[in-house]
């Protein structure tokens, strides 16, 4: 599945230097960006009430978040193939640099 919503989140940060993503707003930013991305790129998508339920917010709040989000990125939703590839490579590079602890599994013999 496409990760264009991550590009939208980056656009908000780049275009709005006074806006900070934190633990208090991250779920709202994610659910709004995923919803907007689905609406723009998918032929079939869920309605706002579905995303509101998933995100744990009211439909009214999500509707307001959607409008605010769109204005914050100046309605710039198109992501070119080149831009997408640039972000994909950056994410792959970051994930390769991260080390995740391996979990030992106990086997019963």
N, C-alpha and C. Protein backbone atom coordinates (compact mmCIF):
# COMPACT_ATOMS: atom_id res chain seq x y z
N UNK A 1 0.85 -1.19 0.00
CA UNK A 1 0.00 0.00 0.00
C UNK A 1 0.88 1.24 0.00
N UNK A 2 0.42 2.26 -0.63
CA UNK A 2 1.16 3.52 -0.76
C UNK A 2 1.32 4.22 0.58
N UNK A 3 2.40 4.91 0.72
CA UNK A 3 2.70 5.66 1.95
C UNK A 3 2.66 7.16 1.69
N UNK A 4 1.82 7.58 0.77
CA UNK A 4 1.76 9.00 0.42
C UNK A 4 1.32 9.87 1.59
N UNK A 5 0.59 9.28 2.53
CA UNK A 5 0.17 10.07 3.69
C UNK A 5 1.37 10.56 4.49
N UNK A 6 2.49 9.82 4.45
CA UNK A 6 3.70 10.27 5.14
C UNK A 6 4.27 11.52 4.47
N UNK A 7 4.15 11.58 3.15
CA UNK A 7 4.61 12.77 2.41
C UNK A 7 3.73 13.95 2.79
N UNK A 8 2.43 13.73 2.92
CA UNK A 8 1.53 14.81 3.33
C UNK A 8 1.92 15.33 4.72
N UNK A 9 2.24 14.41 5.62
CA UNK A 9 2.64 14.82 6.97
C UNK A 9 3.93 15.65 6.91
N UNK A 10 4.85 15.26 6.06
CA UNK A 10 6.08 16.04 5.90
C UNK A 10 5.78 17.41 5.31
N UNK A 11 4.83 17.47 4.40
CA UNK A 11 4.46 18.77 3.81
C UNK A 11 3.90 19.72 4.88
N UNK A 12 3.12 19.18 5.80
CA UNK A 12 2.58 20.03 6.87
C UNK A 12 3.73 20.62 7.68
N UNK A 13 4.69 19.79 8.03
CA UNK A 13 5.83 20.25 8.84
C UNK A 13 6.64 21.29 8.07
N UNK A 14 6.90 21.02 6.79
CA UNK A 14 7.72 21.93 5.98
C UNK A 14 7.03 23.28 5.75
N UNK A 15 5.73 23.27 5.55
CA UNK A 15 5.00 24.50 5.22
C UNK A 15 4.51 25.28 6.44
N UNK A 16 4.56 24.65 7.61
CA UNK A 16 4.03 25.27 8.82
C UNK A 16 5.05 25.12 9.95
N UNK A 17 6.07 25.99 9.98
CA UNK A 17 7.15 25.82 10.95
C UNK A 17 6.70 25.92 12.41
N UNK A 18 5.55 26.50 12.67
CA UNK A 18 5.06 26.61 14.04
C UNK A 18 4.23 25.39 14.46
N UNK A 19 4.03 24.46 13.54
CA UNK A 19 3.25 23.26 13.83
C UNK A 19 4.18 22.14 14.25
N UNK A 20 3.88 21.50 15.36
CA UNK A 20 4.69 20.40 15.85
C UNK A 20 3.82 19.16 16.03
N UNK A 21 4.33 18.04 15.57
CA UNK A 21 3.66 16.78 15.81
C UNK A 21 4.16 16.25 17.14
N UNK A 22 3.21 15.91 18.00
CA UNK A 22 3.57 15.42 19.34
C UNK A 22 2.64 14.27 19.72
N UNK A 23 2.82 13.76 20.91
CA UNK A 23 2.01 12.63 21.35
C UNK A 23 0.53 12.99 21.50
N UNK A 24 0.24 14.27 21.60
CA UNK A 24 -1.16 14.70 21.78
C UNK A 24 -1.91 14.84 20.45
N UNK A 25 -1.18 14.96 19.33
CA UNK A 25 -1.88 15.15 18.06
C UNK A 25 -1.52 14.13 16.98
N UNK A 26 -0.56 13.25 17.26
CA UNK A 26 -0.07 12.35 16.22
C UNK A 26 -1.17 11.46 15.64
N UNK A 27 -2.05 10.93 16.48
CA UNK A 27 -3.09 10.05 15.93
C UNK A 27 -4.07 10.82 15.05
N UNK A 28 -4.32 12.07 15.36
CA UNK A 28 -5.21 12.88 14.52
C UNK A 28 -4.55 13.21 13.19
N UNK A 29 -3.26 13.50 13.22
CA UNK A 29 -2.53 13.80 11.99
C UNK A 29 -2.47 12.56 11.11
N UNK A 30 -2.19 11.41 11.70
CA UNK A 30 -2.09 10.18 10.92
C UNK A 30 -3.44 9.82 10.30
N UNK A 31 -4.49 9.77 11.10
CA UNK A 31 -5.79 9.35 10.55
C UNK A 31 -6.28 10.32 9.49
N UNK A 32 -6.02 11.60 9.67
CA UNK A 32 -6.45 12.59 8.68
C UNK A 32 -5.65 12.44 7.40
N UNK A 33 -4.34 12.26 7.50
CA UNK A 33 -3.51 12.13 6.30
C UNK A 33 -3.82 10.84 5.54
N UNK A 34 -4.06 9.76 6.27
CA UNK A 34 -4.42 8.49 5.61
C UNK A 34 -5.75 8.65 4.88
N UNK A 35 -6.72 9.28 5.51
CA UNK A 35 -8.03 9.46 4.90
C UNK A 35 -7.94 10.32 3.65
N UNK A 36 -7.22 11.42 3.74
CA UNK A 36 -7.09 12.32 2.59
C UNK A 36 -6.38 11.62 1.44
N UNK A 37 -5.34 10.87 1.76
CA UNK A 37 -4.60 10.14 0.73
C UNK A 37 -5.51 9.12 0.03
N UNK A 38 -6.30 8.41 0.81
CA UNK A 38 -7.22 7.42 0.24
C UNK A 38 -8.24 8.11 -0.67
N UNK A 39 -8.77 9.22 -0.23
CA UNK A 39 -9.76 9.93 -1.03
C UNK A 39 -9.17 10.43 -2.35
N UNK A 40 -7.92 10.86 -2.30
CA UNK A 40 -7.31 11.43 -3.50
C UNK A 40 -6.84 10.35 -4.47
N UNK A 41 -6.31 9.24 -3.96
CA UNK A 41 -5.68 8.25 -4.83
C UNK A 41 -6.50 6.99 -5.08
N UNK A 42 -7.44 6.67 -4.23
CA UNK A 42 -8.18 5.42 -4.39
C UNK A 42 -9.54 5.66 -5.03
N UNK A 43 -9.95 4.72 -5.87
CA UNK A 43 -11.27 4.82 -6.48
C UNK A 43 -12.37 4.51 -5.48
N UNK A 44 -12.07 3.63 -4.56
CA UNK A 44 -13.04 3.24 -3.53
C UNK A 44 -12.38 3.48 -2.18
N UNK A 45 -13.07 4.20 -1.31
CA UNK A 45 -12.52 4.49 0.02
C UNK A 45 -13.67 4.55 1.01
N UNK A 46 -13.31 4.46 2.29
CA UNK A 46 -14.32 4.51 3.35
C UNK A 46 -14.76 5.96 3.57
N UNK A 47 -15.93 6.13 4.17
CA UNK A 47 -16.41 7.48 4.46
C UNK A 47 -15.78 8.01 5.76
N UNK A 48 -16.01 9.29 6.01
CA UNK A 48 -15.39 9.95 7.16
C UNK A 48 -15.80 9.31 8.49
N UNK A 49 -17.02 8.81 8.57
CA UNK A 49 -17.46 8.21 9.85
C UNK A 49 -16.64 6.96 10.17
N UNK A 50 -16.25 6.20 9.16
CA UNK A 50 -15.40 5.03 9.38
C UNK A 50 -14.05 5.47 9.95
N UNK A 51 -13.42 6.44 9.29
CA UNK A 51 -12.11 6.92 9.75
C UNK A 51 -12.21 7.56 11.14
N UNK A 52 -13.31 8.22 11.42
CA UNK A 52 -13.50 8.82 12.74
C UNK A 52 -13.56 7.74 13.81
N UNK A 53 -14.29 6.66 13.53
CA UNK A 53 -14.38 5.54 14.48
C UNK A 53 -13.00 4.92 14.70
N UNK A 54 -12.27 4.68 13.63
CA UNK A 54 -10.94 4.09 13.72
C UNK A 54 -10.00 5.01 14.51
N UNK A 55 -10.10 6.32 14.26
CA UNK A 55 -9.21 7.28 14.90
C UNK A 55 -9.64 7.72 16.28
N UNK A 56 -10.81 7.30 16.70
CA UNK A 56 -11.28 7.66 18.03
C UNK A 56 -11.66 9.11 18.19
N UNK A 57 -12.14 9.72 17.11
CA UNK A 57 -12.58 11.11 17.14
C UNK A 57 -14.00 11.18 16.59
N UNK A 58 -14.66 12.28 16.82
CA UNK A 58 -16.01 12.44 16.28
C UNK A 58 -15.93 12.77 14.79
N UNK A 59 -17.01 12.52 14.08
CA UNK A 59 -17.06 12.84 12.66
C UNK A 59 -16.89 14.34 12.46
N UNK A 60 -17.50 15.14 13.32
CA UNK A 60 -17.37 16.59 13.21
C UNK A 60 -15.92 17.02 13.36
N UNK A 61 -15.22 16.44 14.36
CA UNK A 61 -13.81 16.79 14.54
C UNK A 61 -12.99 16.37 13.33
N UNK A 62 -13.23 15.16 12.80
CA UNK A 62 -12.47 14.70 11.64
C UNK A 62 -12.74 15.57 10.42
N UNK A 63 -13.99 15.98 10.24
CA UNK A 63 -14.31 16.88 9.12
C UNK A 63 -13.52 18.18 9.25
N UNK A 64 -13.45 18.71 10.47
CA UNK A 64 -12.68 19.94 10.70
C UNK A 64 -11.19 19.71 10.49
N UNK A 65 -10.69 18.57 10.95
CA UNK A 65 -9.28 18.24 10.76
C UNK A 65 -8.94 18.12 9.28
N UNK A 66 -9.85 17.54 8.51
CA UNK A 66 -9.63 17.38 7.07
C UNK A 66 -9.48 18.73 6.39
N UNK A 67 -10.37 19.64 6.69
CA UNK A 67 -10.31 20.98 6.08
C UNK A 67 -9.04 21.71 6.51
N UNK A 68 -8.73 21.66 7.79
CA UNK A 68 -7.53 22.33 8.30
C UNK A 68 -6.27 21.73 7.68
N UNK A 69 -6.22 20.41 7.58
CA UNK A 69 -5.08 19.72 6.98
C UNK A 69 -4.89 20.18 5.53
N UNK A 70 -5.98 20.20 4.77
CA UNK A 70 -5.89 20.60 3.36
C UNK A 70 -5.38 22.03 3.21
N UNK A 71 -5.84 22.92 4.05
CA UNK A 71 -5.34 24.29 3.99
C UNK A 71 -3.87 24.36 4.40
N UNK A 72 -3.47 23.54 5.37
CA UNK A 72 -2.08 23.56 5.83
C UNK A 72 -1.10 23.08 4.76
N UNK A 73 -1.57 22.23 3.84
CA UNK A 73 -0.70 21.80 2.74
C UNK A 73 -1.09 22.49 1.44
N UNK A 74 -1.91 23.54 1.57
CA UNK A 74 -2.32 24.35 0.42
C UNK A 74 -2.98 23.48 -0.67
N UNK A 75 -3.72 22.46 -0.24
CA UNK A 75 -4.43 21.55 -1.13
C UNK A 75 -3.49 20.85 -2.12
N UNK A 76 -2.22 20.77 -1.80
CA UNK A 76 -1.21 20.16 -2.66
C UNK A 76 -1.15 18.67 -2.37
N UNK A 77 -1.97 17.89 -3.10
CA UNK A 77 -2.11 16.46 -2.83
C UNK A 77 -1.34 15.58 -3.82
N UNK A 78 -1.06 16.09 -4.99
CA UNK A 78 -0.38 15.27 -5.98
C UNK A 78 1.05 14.97 -5.55
N UNK A 79 1.45 13.71 -5.69
CA UNK A 79 2.82 13.29 -5.40
C UNK A 79 3.36 12.67 -6.69
N UNK A 80 4.41 13.28 -7.25
CA UNK A 80 4.98 12.77 -8.49
C UNK A 80 5.71 11.45 -8.22
N UNK A 81 5.94 10.70 -9.26
CA UNK A 81 6.68 9.46 -9.14
C UNK A 81 8.09 9.69 -8.61
N UNK A 82 8.71 10.77 -9.04
CA UNK A 82 10.06 11.08 -8.59
C UNK A 82 10.08 11.42 -7.10
N UNK A 83 9.11 12.22 -6.66
CA UNK A 83 9.04 12.57 -5.24
C UNK A 83 8.76 11.34 -4.40
N UNK A 84 7.85 10.51 -4.85
CA UNK A 84 7.52 9.29 -4.12
C UNK A 84 8.76 8.40 -3.98
N UNK A 85 9.50 8.24 -5.08
CA UNK A 85 10.70 7.40 -5.06
C UNK A 85 11.76 7.97 -4.11
N UNK A 86 11.90 9.30 -4.08
CA UNK A 86 12.85 9.95 -3.17
C UNK A 86 12.50 9.61 -1.72
N UNK A 87 11.23 9.77 -1.36
CA UNK A 87 10.79 9.46 0.00
C UNK A 87 10.94 7.97 0.30
N UNK A 88 10.62 7.11 -0.67
CA UNK A 88 10.73 5.68 -0.46
C UNK A 88 12.17 5.30 -0.15
N UNK A 89 13.10 5.87 -0.91
CA UNK A 89 14.52 5.57 -0.68
C UNK A 89 14.98 6.09 0.68
N UNK A 90 14.54 7.27 1.06
CA UNK A 90 14.92 7.82 2.36
C UNK A 90 14.38 6.96 3.50
N UNK A 91 13.14 6.52 3.39
CA UNK A 91 12.56 5.66 4.42
C UNK A 91 13.29 4.32 4.49
N UNK A 92 13.62 3.76 3.33
CA UNK A 92 14.34 2.49 3.31
C UNK A 92 15.71 2.65 3.95
N UNK A 93 16.37 3.76 3.66
CA UNK A 93 17.68 4.03 4.24
C UNK A 93 17.60 4.14 5.76
N UNK A 94 16.60 4.87 6.25
CA UNK A 94 16.42 5.02 7.70
C UNK A 94 16.10 3.69 8.36
N UNK A 95 15.26 2.90 7.73
CA UNK A 95 14.89 1.62 8.34
C UNK A 95 16.07 0.66 8.35
N UNK A 96 16.95 0.76 7.36
CA UNK A 96 18.14 -0.09 7.34
C UNK A 96 19.13 0.31 8.41
N UNK A 97 19.13 1.59 8.81
CA UNK A 97 20.05 2.09 9.82
C UNK A 97 19.58 1.77 11.24
N UNK A 98 18.29 1.52 11.39
CA UNK A 98 17.74 1.24 12.71
C UNK A 98 18.03 -0.20 13.08
N UNK A 99 18.33 -0.40 14.33
CA UNK A 99 18.50 -1.78 14.78
C UNK A 99 17.39 -2.09 15.77
N UNK A 100 16.70 -3.15 15.49
CA UNK A 100 15.62 -3.58 16.35
C UNK A 100 16.10 -4.78 17.15
N UNK A 101 15.84 -4.79 18.44
CA UNK A 101 16.29 -5.93 19.23
C UNK A 101 15.57 -7.20 18.80
N UNK A 102 16.33 -8.25 18.74
CA UNK A 102 15.71 -9.53 18.40
C UNK A 102 15.18 -10.14 19.67
N UNK A 103 14.09 -10.80 19.54
CA UNK A 103 13.44 -11.39 20.70
C UNK A 103 13.72 -12.88 20.72
N UNK A 104 14.26 -13.34 21.82
CA UNK A 104 14.50 -14.76 21.95
C UNK A 104 13.20 -15.47 22.25
N UNK A 105 13.04 -16.57 21.61
CA UNK A 105 11.84 -17.37 21.88
C UNK A 105 12.25 -18.60 22.67
N UNK A 106 11.50 -18.87 23.66
CA UNK A 106 11.75 -20.06 24.47
C UNK A 106 11.08 -21.24 23.81
N UNK A 107 11.85 -22.26 23.57
CA UNK A 107 11.26 -23.46 22.99
C UNK A 107 11.18 -24.52 24.07
N UNK A 108 10.06 -25.12 24.15
CA UNK A 108 9.85 -26.18 25.13
C UNK A 108 10.27 -27.48 24.49
N UNK A 109 11.14 -28.20 25.17
CA UNK A 109 11.60 -29.48 24.61
C UNK A 109 11.14 -30.63 25.44
